[in-house]
Amino acid sequence: MTKYLDKYLVRYCKPIFLLCVFCVLISVLHIAYCFVFTV
């Protein structure tokens, strides 16, 4: 049961985690971009 749950978590959490990292990266780049163009 635990093995199955671990597999399930790895399968579904990895893409979500990568998506979150990607979104944070985009936000940071966007803020940096705005900062560069307003200064």
C-alpha atoms as a PDB file:
ATOM      1  CA  MET A   1       0.000   0.000   0.000  1.00  0.00           C
ATOM      2  CA  THR A   2       2.745   2.447   0.942  1.00  0.00           C
ATOM      3  CA  LYS A   3       4.731   1.518  -2.156  1.00  0.00           C
ATOM      4  CA  TYR A   4       1.721   2.263  -4.323  1.00  0.00           C
ATOM      5  CA  LEU A   5       1.148   5.575  -2.545  1.00  0.00           C
ATOM      6  CA  ASP A   6       4.796   6.557  -2.995  1.00  0.00           C
ATOM      7  CA  LYS A   7       4.616   5.809  -6.709  1.00  0.00           C
ATOM      8  CA  TYR A   8       1.433   7.853  -6.972  1.00  0.00           C
ATOM      9  CA  LEU A   9       2.956  10.779  -5.074  1.00  0.00           C
ATOM     10  CA  VAL A  10       6.129  10.764  -7.153  1.00  0.00           C
ATOM     11  CA  ARG A  11       4.118  10.600 -10.362  1.00  0.00           C
ATOM     12  CA  TYR A  12       1.834  13.506  -9.443  1.00  0.00           C
ATOM     13  CA  CYS A  13       4.012  15.691  -7.222  1.00  0.00           C
ATOM     14  CA  LYS A  14       7.015  15.882  -9.521  1.00  0.00           C
ATOM     15  CA  PRO A  15       5.162  17.632 -12.400  1.00  0.00           C
ATOM     16  CA  ILE A  16       3.378  19.932  -9.948  1.00  0.00           C
ATOM     17  CA  PHE A  17       6.674  20.760  -8.235  1.00  0.00           C
ATOM     18  CA  LEU A  18       8.348  21.469 -11.586  1.00  0.00           C
ATOM     19  CA  LEU A  19       5.393  23.630 -12.586  1.00  0.00           C
ATOM     20  CA  CYS A  20       5.701  25.632  -9.350  1.00  0.00           C
ATOM     21  CA  VAL A  21       9.433  26.127  -9.883  1.00  0.00           C
ATOM     22  CA  PHE A  22       8.729  27.245 -13.456  1.00  0.00           C
ATOM     23  CA  CYS A  23       6.066  29.715 -12.274  1.00  0.00           C
ATOM     24  CA  VAL A  24       8.358  31.183  -9.618  1.00  0.00           C
ATOM     25  CA  LEU A  25      11.104  31.544 -12.212  1.00  0.00           C
ATOM     26  CA  ILE A  26       8.728  33.351 -14.592  1.00  0.00           C
ATOM     27  CA  SER A  27       7.575  35.668 -11.792  1.00  0.00           C
ATOM     28  CA  VAL A  28      11.152  36.534 -10.847  1.00  0.00           C
ATOM     29  CA  LEU A  29      12.062  37.180 -14.480  1.00  0.00           C
ATOM     30  CA  HIS A  30       8.951  39.316 -14.934  1.00  0.00           C
ATOM     31  CA  ILE A  31       9.746  41.422 -11.855  1.00  0.00           C
ATOM     32  CA  ALA A  32      13.368  41.806 -12.976  1.00  0.00           C
ATOM     33  CA  TYR A  33      12.189  42.803 -16.460  1.00  0.00           C
ATOM     34  CA  CYS A  34       9.782  45.431 -15.082  1.00  0.00           C
ATOM     35  CA  PHE A  35      12.444  46.726 -12.708  1.00  0.00           C
ATOM     36  CA  VAL A  36      14.993  47.117 -15.515  1.00  0.00           C
ATOM     37  CA  PHE A  37      12.527  48.998 -17.711  1.00  0.00           C
ATOM     38  CA  THR A  38      11.216  51.348 -15.000  1.00  0.00           C
ATOM     39  CA  VAL A  39      14.688  52.356 -13.744  1.00  0.00           C
END
